[in-house]
Amino acid sequence: MSSPIIPFLIKRYLRFNKRQPFISISAILAFFGICVGVMVLIVAMALMNGFDKEFERKLFVMNYPLTMFSNYLEKIDKQTLETLETDFPHLKFSPFIQTQAFSKMGQRLEGGIVFGVDFQREALINPIFAKAYQEAQTSYKQIYQAPYIPNTFDVIVGEGLKEYYGLQYQSNLLLIFTNAMPNAMSISPTIKRFNVNGFFHSGLLAYDKGYIYTTLESLSIIKNMPKDTYDGIHIYSNNPQKDILLLQERYPQTKIIGWWEQNGNFFAALALEKRALFIVLMLIILIASLNIITSLLMTIMNRRKEIALLLTMGASIQEIKKTFLYLGNLIGISGMLCGCTLAAIILFILSNFSVISLPADVYGSSKLPLELSLIDLIFIISGSLIIIFLSSYYPAKKAIQMDPLQVLRNE
């Protein structure tokens, strides 16, 4: 059982010291410093996680979980696609042909990547494309009173390209392909007009202006490829890290990459930034904890005679040590709990009210993304508790190193 003298002394030492106000002010500063440090750290980690997850969701949708590419050793054709569907029934596949092109309207020119896809297969693995395809079917049915069957030279473009060119449904879009075709006098690029039949919105301007979807047949003709051969296959998987190993074992000569490999440098930079921010903000708590040390040491120096009398009257060394240890922990932990409460209030306000509005074309969302992970919260609380304990332990140890008889003799 704990000694009744410990809570008595803690209450006594927590009172505002009118003769030595700086001691109490140091304790108050320690409380508010830790409170603000914990609050800022939690909000900052929630923001970092929110932006990480938001970019991850956008990149995941437009880059696909897994992508298989053809090479000179092993071509990808319809037979490969059928074999994949037989061997891996839990996966979804969408073959594609890919090339680069310039889109042109009037005096404006914009570069981009053109994907030739099977519209129905692509809609099963790409929700952004699926929504645009569904809207195209609805618009076509309203106008022509018939189901929409994609024509060879139909395209679905992004909202960014739509706004850049002022495109409308059934507009004509000129594409200038980098595939050069020889003629009688020289070599000229392939130029073809396409019919715009839909618009997609990914939330990222780079994709909305740079990606164009058309049919497999159109790019097969433009690139002069054999029938039913593809540049690659987009693969949807719920567990891409596991399935990529199975696919590589089955097709060792084919290059298969995951979405995380296509953007590895980007996510590595975000992870490094997050760790650096965590360390820097944790220094705020560390600096605030110095006020705990200062406040406790000044309390000990101011109460030297009182501590000496307690020791000579029968108080144990452990009771004195625990008094200052608990006192420092009480200041620090109460500040930490206050910081957690304020952080929860701030996150609630930012999540439910439009306090801060972001440019959607830059960040992918006009709403501030917030997502606090349990691991980050555990690290913040654990790190704060360790710093608070160490800051309280040193003065508590100093309090029991004095010689009571020497103190009473001199004072």
Protein backbone atom coordinates (compact mmCIF):
# COMPACT_ATOMS: atom_id res chain seq x y z
CA MET A 1 0.00 0.00 0.00
CA SER A 2 1.20 3.51 -0.82
CA SER A 3 2.02 5.85 2.04
CA PRO A 4 -0.59 8.57 2.81
CA ILE A 5 2.21 11.12 2.97
CA ILE A 6 2.83 10.92 -0.79
CA PRO A 7 -0.54 12.34 -2.00
CA PHE A 8 -0.38 14.94 0.80
CA LEU A 9 3.02 16.16 -0.37
CA ILE A 10 1.99 16.13 -4.05
CA LYS A 11 -1.02 18.36 -3.30
CA ARG A 12 1.20 20.64 -1.23
CA TYR A 13 3.87 21.01 -3.91
CA LEU A 14 1.29 21.59 -6.66
CA ARG A 15 0.00 24.74 -4.95
CA PHE A 16 1.07 28.04 -6.42
CA ASN A 17 4.20 29.18 -4.62
CA LYS A 18 3.79 32.91 -3.95
CA ARG A 19 7.29 33.31 -2.54
CA GLN A 20 8.91 31.52 -5.51
CA PRO A 21 6.40 31.99 -8.40
CA PHE A 22 8.90 30.91 -11.04
CA ILE A 23 8.70 27.33 -9.72
CA SER A 24 4.94 27.17 -10.36
CA ILE A 25 5.30 28.98 -13.67
CA SER A 26 7.84 26.36 -14.82
CA ALA A 27 5.36 23.60 -13.95
CA ILE A 28 2.59 25.39 -15.85
CA LEU A 29 4.86 25.88 -18.87
CA ALA A 30 5.77 22.18 -18.76
CA PHE A 31 2.07 21.26 -18.71
CA PHE A 32 1.17 23.51 -21.66
CA GLY A 33 4.34 22.62 -23.58
CA ILE A 34 3.62 18.89 -23.46
CA CYS A 35 -0.06 19.55 -24.18
CA VAL A 36 0.72 21.57 -27.32
CA GLY A 37 3.47 19.17 -28.43
CA VAL A 38 1.23 16.10 -28.21
CA MET A 39 -1.65 17.94 -29.89
CA VAL A 40 0.48 19.14 -32.80
CA LEU A 41 2.12 15.74 -33.21
CA ILE A 42 -1.22 13.88 -33.38
CA VAL A 43 -2.75 16.36 -35.85
CA ALA A 44 0.39 16.36 -38.02
CA MET A 45 0.51 12.54 -38.15
CA ALA A 46 -3.20 12.43 -39.03
CA LEU A 47 -2.60 14.89 -41.87
CA MET A 48 0.43 12.98 -43.17
CA ASN A 49 -1.45 9.67 -43.08
CA GLY A 50 -4.48 11.28 -44.71
CA PHE A 51 -2.48 12.64 -47.64
CA ASP A 52 -0.56 9.35 -47.96
CA LYS A 53 -3.76 7.31 -48.11
CA GLU A 54 -5.45 9.77 -50.47
CA PHE A 55 -2.57 9.71 -52.95
CA GLU A 56 -2.34 5.94 -52.54
CA ARG A 57 -6.02 5.52 -53.40
CA LYS A 58 -5.73 7.75 -56.47
CA LEU A 59 -2.54 6.11 -57.72
CA PHE A 60 -3.88 2.64 -56.94
CA VAL A 61 -6.97 3.18 -59.09
CA MET A 62 -5.18 4.59 -62.13
CA ASN A 63 -2.07 2.39 -61.95
CA TYR A 64 -3.81 -0.96 -61.25
CA PRO A 65 -2.69 -3.48 -58.60
CA LEU A 66 -0.60 -5.53 -61.05
CA THR A 67 0.46 -5.05 -64.67
CA MET A 68 1.93 -7.70 -66.95
CA PHE A 69 4.02 -6.48 -69.90
CA SER A 70 5.00 -8.37 -73.03
CA ASN A 71 8.62 -8.61 -74.20
CA TYR A 72 10.67 -10.09 -77.03
CA LEU A 73 10.88 -13.47 -75.31
CA GLU A 74 7.19 -13.95 -74.61
CA LYS A 75 4.33 -12.20 -76.37
CA ILE A 76 0.97 -11.66 -74.70
CA ASP A 77 -2.02 -12.68 -76.81
CA LYS A 78 -5.56 -13.95 -76.43
CA GLN A 79 -4.32 -17.43 -75.56
CA THR A 80 -2.25 -16.00 -72.69
CA LEU A 81 -5.32 -14.15 -71.43
CA GLU A 82 -7.45 -17.30 -71.51
CA THR A 83 -4.73 -19.27 -69.70
CA LEU A 84 -4.52 -16.62 -66.99
CA GLU A 85 -8.26 -16.67 -66.46
CA THR A 86 -8.15 -20.47 -66.13
CA ASP A 87 -5.13 -20.64 -63.81
CA PHE A 88 -6.08 -17.63 -61.65
CA PRO A 89 -9.90 -17.51 -61.44
CA HIS A 90 -9.79 -15.17 -58.40
CA LEU A 91 -8.15 -12.40 -60.43
CA LYS A 92 -9.65 -10.01 -62.98
CA PHE A 93 -7.85 -9.21 -66.24
CA SER A 94 -8.05 -6.42 -68.81
CA PRO A 95 -5.71 -6.55 -71.84
CA PHE A 96 -4.40 -3.27 -73.20
CA ILE A 97 -2.40 -1.71 -76.00
CA GLN A 98 -0.49 1.43 -75.08
CA THR A 99 1.07 4.25 -77.06
CA GLN A 100 1.84 7.95 -76.82
CA ALA A 101 0.06 10.66 -78.75
CA PHE A 102 -0.66 14.36 -78.99
CA SER A 103 -4.25 15.52 -78.82
CA LYS A 104 -5.01 18.63 -80.89
CA MET A 105 -7.94 20.99 -81.19
CA GLY A 106 -7.55 24.34 -82.87
CA GLN A 107 -4.20 25.79 -81.87
CA ARG A 108 -3.98 23.79 -78.64
CA LEU A 109 -1.83 20.70 -78.27
CA GLU A 110 -1.52 18.31 -75.31
CA GLY A 111 0.61 15.18 -74.91
CA GLY A 112 -0.70 12.04 -73.27
CA ILE A 113 -0.87 8.26 -73.12
CA VAL A 114 -3.51 6.38 -75.09
CA PHE A 115 -4.73 3.01 -73.83
CA GLY A 116 -6.56 0.62 -76.10
CA VAL A 117 -8.79 -1.50 -73.85
CA ASP A 118 -11.82 -3.77 -73.87
CA PHE A 119 -14.38 -1.38 -72.38
CA GLN A 120 -16.33 -4.08 -70.55
CA ARG A 121 -13.24 -5.77 -69.07
CA GLU A 122 -11.69 -2.44 -68.10
CA ALA A 123 -14.88 -1.39 -66.30
CA LEU A 124 -14.59 -4.47 -64.06
CA ILE A 125 -11.18 -3.48 -62.65
CA ASN A 126 -11.16 0.32 -62.87
CA PRO A 127 -14.01 2.06 -60.96
CA ILE A 128 -13.11 5.46 -62.43
CA PHE A 129 -13.42 4.12 -65.96
CA ALA A 130 -16.51 2.08 -65.00
CA LYS A 131 -18.37 5.23 -63.93
CA ALA A 132 -17.44 7.04 -67.16
CA TYR A 133 -18.46 4.00 -69.25
CA GLN A 134 -21.81 3.78 -67.47
CA GLU A 135 -22.47 7.48 -68.06
CA ALA A 136 -21.54 7.02 -71.73
CA GLN A 137 -24.04 4.17 -72.03
CA THR A 138 -26.76 6.29 -70.40
CA SER A 139 -26.09 9.30 -72.65
CA TYR A 140 -26.01 7.16 -75.79
CA LYS A 141 -29.30 5.46 -74.90
CA GLN A 142 -31.02 8.78 -74.22
CA ILE A 143 -29.97 10.16 -77.61
CA TYR A 144 -30.22 7.12 -79.89
CA GLN A 145 -32.70 4.95 -77.94
CA ALA A 146 -30.36 2.00 -78.32
CA PRO A 147 -27.70 0.25 -76.20
CA TYR A 148 -24.18 1.65 -76.54
CA ILE A 149 -21.74 -0.57 -78.41
CA PRO A 150 -18.27 1.07 -78.60
CA ASN A 151 -17.21 1.90 -82.14
CA THR A 152 -13.64 1.25 -83.22
CA PHE A 153 -12.54 4.88 -82.92
CA ASP A 154 -14.43 5.96 -79.80
CA VAL A 155 -12.52 7.52 -76.89
CA ILE A 156 -13.19 8.28 -73.23
CA VAL A 157 -11.09 11.21 -71.97
CA GLY A 158 -10.55 12.90 -68.61
CA GLU A 159 -12.33 15.94 -67.24
CA GLY A 160 -9.07 17.89 -67.45
CA LEU A 161 -8.86 17.38 -71.21
CA LYS A 162 -12.56 18.14 -71.53
CA GLU A 163 -12.11 21.54 -69.87
CA TYR A 164 -8.85 22.25 -71.74
CA TYR A 165 -10.46 21.76 -75.16
CA GLY A 166 -14.08 22.53 -74.29
CA LEU A 167 -15.16 19.06 -75.39
CA GLN A 168 -18.75 17.88 -75.43
CA TYR A 169 -20.38 14.48 -75.85
CA GLN A 170 -19.85 13.25 -79.46
CA SER A 171 -17.11 15.85 -80.11
CA ASN A 172 -14.29 15.02 -82.51
CA LEU A 173 -10.75 14.86 -81.11
CA LEU A 174 -7.67 14.72 -83.33
CA LEU A 175 -4.87 12.45 -82.12
CA ILE A 176 -1.36 12.60 -83.55
CA PHE A 177 0.45 9.36 -82.74
CA THR A 178 4.19 8.94 -82.34
CA ASN A 179 4.04 5.84 -84.54
CA ALA A 180 5.51 7.04 -87.82
CA MET A 181 4.21 5.69 -91.14
CA PRO A 182 6.34 5.79 -94.31
CA ASN A 183 4.84 7.34 -97.45
CA ALA A 184 6.10 8.01 -100.95
CA MET A 185 8.25 11.01 -100.00
CA SER A 186 8.97 10.83 -96.27
CA ILE A 187 7.94 9.41 -92.92
CA SER A 188 4.93 11.07 -91.29
CA PRO A 189 3.11 10.53 -87.97
CA THR A 190 -0.20 8.71 -87.86
CA ILE A 191 -3.13 11.13 -87.51
CA LYS A 192 -6.67 10.04 -86.75
CA ARG A 193 -9.90 11.67 -85.60
CA PHE A 194 -11.68 10.00 -82.69
CA ASN A 195 -15.24 10.35 -81.42
CA VAL A 196 -15.50 11.42 -77.74
CA ASN A 197 -18.12 9.28 -76.00
CA GLY A 198 -17.39 9.77 -72.30
CA PHE A 199 -15.45 11.55 -69.59
CA PHE A 200 -13.77 10.21 -66.45
CA HIS A 201 -12.69 12.05 -63.31
CA SER A 202 -9.81 10.58 -61.28
CA GLY A 203 -9.27 13.59 -59.02
CA LEU A 204 -5.69 14.13 -60.21
CA LEU A 205 -5.09 16.57 -63.06
CA ALA A 206 -2.10 14.63 -64.40
CA TYR A 207 -4.35 11.65 -65.18
CA ASP A 208 -7.38 13.67 -66.22
CA LYS A 209 -5.35 15.46 -68.89
CA GLY A 210 -2.84 12.76 -69.78
CA TYR A 211 -4.87 9.53 -70.07
CA ILE A 212 -7.11 8.65 -73.02
CA TYR A 213 -8.98 5.36 -73.39
CA THR A 214 -10.01 3.90 -76.74
CA THR A 215 -10.77 0.45 -78.10
CA LEU A 216 -8.28 -2.36 -78.62
CA GLU A 217 -9.14 -2.49 -82.31
CA SER A 218 -8.25 1.15 -82.99
CA LEU A 219 -4.74 0.98 -81.50
CA SER A 220 -4.17 -2.45 -83.06
CA ILE A 221 -4.80 -0.84 -86.46
CA ILE A 222 -2.72 2.26 -85.73
CA LYS A 223 0.26 0.27 -84.37
CA ASN A 224 -0.15 -2.37 -87.07
CA MET A 225 -0.17 -5.19 -84.51
CA PRO A 226 -1.32 -8.77 -85.20
CA LYS A 227 -4.89 -9.52 -84.21
CA ASP A 228 -5.51 -10.50 -80.56
CA THR A 229 -2.02 -9.46 -79.38
CA TYR A 230 -1.47 -6.95 -76.61
CA ASP A 231 1.20 -4.81 -75.00
CA GLY A 232 0.17 -6.06 -71.58
CA ILE A 233 -2.61 -6.99 -69.20
CA HIS A 234 -3.94 -5.00 -66.27
CA ILE A 235 -4.66 -7.30 -63.33
CA TYR A 236 -6.94 -6.65 -60.37
CA SER A 237 -6.04 -8.43 -57.13
CA ASN A 238 -7.15 -8.06 -53.53
CA ASN A 239 -3.69 -9.22 -52.40
CA PRO A 240 -1.25 -8.06 -55.09
CA GLN A 241 1.92 -8.65 -53.01
CA LYS A 242 1.06 -12.34 -52.79
CA ASP A 243 -0.37 -12.82 -56.28
CA ILE A 244 2.62 -11.20 -57.99
CA LEU A 245 4.82 -14.02 -56.68
CA LEU A 246 2.44 -16.66 -58.06
CA LEU A 247 2.29 -14.95 -61.46
CA GLN A 248 6.07 -14.54 -61.67
CA GLU A 249 6.49 -18.24 -60.88
CA ARG A 250 4.02 -19.18 -63.63
CA TYR A 251 5.41 -16.66 -66.18
CA PRO A 252 9.13 -16.20 -65.38
CA GLN A 253 9.95 -14.62 -68.76
CA THR A 254 7.27 -11.91 -68.45
CA LYS A 255 7.72 -8.64 -66.60
CA ILE A 256 5.09 -8.14 -63.88
CA ILE A 257 5.13 -5.07 -61.66
CA GLY A 258 2.90 -3.89 -58.80
CA TRP A 259 1.46 -0.43 -58.33
CA TRP A 260 3.81 0.17 -55.39
CA GLU A 261 6.83 -0.42 -57.66
CA GLN A 262 5.65 2.12 -60.22
CA ASN A 263 5.58 4.84 -57.52
CA GLY A 264 8.25 3.51 -55.15
CA ASN A 265 10.30 6.73 -54.99
CA PHE A 266 7.21 8.82 -54.30
CA PHE A 267 6.04 6.72 -51.35
CA ALA A 268 9.60 6.36 -50.03
CA ALA A 269 9.87 10.16 -49.96
CA LEU A 270 6.54 10.45 -48.12
CA ALA A 271 7.64 7.86 -45.55
CA LEU A 272 10.94 9.69 -44.98
CA GLU A 273 9.12 13.01 -44.59
CA LYS A 274 6.73 11.44 -42.09
CA ARG A 275 9.57 10.03 -39.96
CA ALA A 276 11.44 13.34 -40.03
CA LEU A 277 8.30 15.25 -39.02
CA PHE A 278 7.67 12.82 -36.15
CA ILE A 279 11.21 13.27 -34.80
CA VAL A 280 11.12 17.07 -35.11
CA LEU A 281 7.73 17.39 -33.38
CA MET A 282 8.76 14.93 -30.67
CA LEU A 283 11.52 17.43 -29.85
CA ILE A 284 8.77 19.86 -28.78
CA ILE A 285 7.73 17.40 -26.09
CA LEU A 286 11.37 16.84 -25.15
CA ILE A 287 11.98 20.58 -24.76
CA ALA A 288 8.76 20.98 -22.75
CA SER A 289 9.88 18.17 -20.45
CA LEU A 290 12.93 20.24 -19.50
CA ASN A 291 10.52 22.50 -17.65
CA ILE A 292 9.48 19.49 -15.56
CA ILE A 293 13.12 18.96 -14.59
CA THR A 294 13.56 22.66 -13.82
CA SER A 295 10.36 22.86 -11.79
CA LEU A 296 11.14 19.74 -9.73
CA LEU A 297 14.77 20.69 -9.08
CA MET A 298 13.73 24.16 -7.94
CA THR A 299 11.04 22.65 -5.71
CA ILE A 300 13.65 20.32 -4.19
CA MET A 301 16.10 23.18 -3.60
CA ASN A 302 13.33 25.32 -2.08
CA ARG A 303 12.10 22.50 0.15
CA ARG A 304 15.46 21.12 1.24
CA LYS A 305 14.83 21.81 4.94
CA GLU A 306 11.34 20.31 4.77
CA ILE A 307 12.60 17.15 3.01
CA ALA A 308 15.38 16.80 5.60
CA LEU A 309 12.86 17.09 8.45
CA LEU A 310 10.62 14.45 6.84
CA LEU A 311 13.55 12.06 6.53
CA THR A 312 14.61 12.57 10.14
CA MET A 313 11.03 12.13 11.38
CA GLY A 314 10.68 8.71 9.76
CA ALA A 315 9.76 9.26 6.12
CA SER A 316 11.53 6.72 3.94
CA ILE A 317 13.81 7.52 1.04
CA GLN A 318 11.41 5.69 -1.31
CA GLU A 319 8.49 7.87 -0.18
CA ILE A 320 10.41 11.05 -0.98
CA LYS A 321 11.56 9.62 -4.28
CA LYS A 322 8.05 8.52 -5.27
CA THR A 323 6.66 11.93 -4.27
CA PHE A 324 8.74 13.80 -6.84
CA LEU A 325 8.49 11.00 -9.40
CA TYR A 326 4.68 11.05 -9.19
CA LEU A 327 4.64 14.84 -9.14
CA GLY A 328 6.56 15.06 -12.42
CA ASN A 329 4.49 12.27 -13.98
CA LEU A 330 1.28 14.00 -12.91
CA ILE A 331 2.29 17.24 -14.62
CA GLY A 332 3.48 15.49 -17.77
CA ILE A 333 0.68 12.91 -18.15
CA SER A 334 -2.04 15.46 -17.48
CA GLY A 335 -0.50 17.64 -20.20
CA MET A 336 -0.38 14.64 -22.55
CA LEU A 337 -4.05 13.78 -21.89
CA CYS A 338 -5.03 17.40 -22.43
CA GLY A 339 -3.12 17.38 -25.74
CA CYS A 340 -4.89 14.19 -26.86
CA THR A 341 -8.27 15.76 -26.01
CA LEU A 342 -7.51 18.96 -27.92
CA ALA A 343 -6.20 16.94 -30.89
CA ALA A 344 -9.45 14.92 -30.96
CA ILE A 345 -11.49 18.14 -30.96
CA ILE A 346 -9.39 19.67 -33.76
CA LEU A 347 -9.57 16.51 -35.88
CA PHE A 348 -13.35 16.38 -35.39
CA ILE A 349 -13.72 20.01 -36.49
CA LEU A 350 -11.44 19.57 -39.53
CA SER A 351 -13.22 16.36 -40.54
CA ASN A 352 -16.77 17.73 -40.33
CA PHE A 353 -16.41 21.40 -41.24
CA SER A 354 -14.79 23.09 -44.25
CA VAL A 355 -12.28 25.05 -42.21
CA ILE A 356 -9.50 24.53 -44.78
CA SER A 357 -10.23 24.09 -48.50
CA LEU A 358 -7.62 22.55 -50.80
CA PRO A 359 -7.23 22.85 -54.59
CA ALA A 360 -8.63 19.54 -55.83
CA ASP A 361 -6.49 19.48 -58.98
CA VAL A 362 -3.33 19.48 -56.86
CA TYR A 363 -4.21 17.31 -53.87
CA GLY A 364 -6.90 15.13 -55.39
CA SER A 365 -9.57 16.35 -52.94
CA SER A 366 -10.91 19.71 -51.80
CA LYS A 367 -11.46 18.29 -48.31
CA LEU A 368 -8.59 18.02 -45.87
CA PRO A 369 -7.74 14.28 -45.65
CA LEU A 370 -7.28 13.03 -42.07
CA GLU A 371 -6.48 9.51 -40.96
CA LEU A 372 -4.77 8.77 -37.65
CA SER A 373 -3.41 5.24 -37.48
CA LEU A 374 -3.41 3.30 -34.23
CA ILE A 375 0.34 2.57 -34.59
CA ASP A 376 1.18 6.29 -34.81
CA LEU A 377 -0.98 7.04 -31.78
CA ILE A 378 0.76 4.28 -29.79
CA PHE A 379 4.19 5.64 -30.77
CA ILE A 380 3.21 9.19 -29.79
CA ILE A 381 1.83 8.17 -26.39
CA SER A 382 4.69 5.73 -25.69
CA GLY A 383 7.36 8.26 -26.66
CA SER A 384 5.70 10.96 -24.55
CA LEU A 385 5.45 8.67 -21.51
CA ILE A 386 9.12 7.69 -21.78
CA ILE A 387 10.23 11.34 -21.99
CA ILE A 388 7.98 12.32 -19.06
CA PHE A 389 9.20 9.44 -16.89
CA LEU A 390 12.88 10.17 -17.56
CA SER A 391 12.31 13.88 -16.87
CA SER A 392 10.71 13.03 -13.51
CA TYR A 393 13.16 10.32 -12.53
CA TYR A 394 16.30 12.49 -12.50
CA PRO A 395 15.00 15.13 -10.00
CA ALA A 396 13.42 12.37 -7.86
CA LYS A 397 16.79 10.68 -7.67
CA LYS A 398 18.48 13.96 -6.76
CA ALA A 399 15.98 14.53 -3.91
CA ILE A 400 17.19 11.48 -1.97
CA GLN A 401 20.90 12.14 -2.43
CA MET A 402 21.01 14.95 0.14
CA ASP A 403 22.29 14.42 3.68
CA PRO A 404 19.46 15.42 6.09
CA LEU A 405 21.81 16.12 9.03
CA GLN A 406 24.06 18.32 6.91
CA VAL A 407 21.06 20.26 5.58
CA LEU A 408 19.58 20.82 9.04
CA ARG A 409 22.95 21.84 10.45
CA ASN A 410 23.51 24.47 7.76
CA GLU A 411 19.93 25.74 7.48
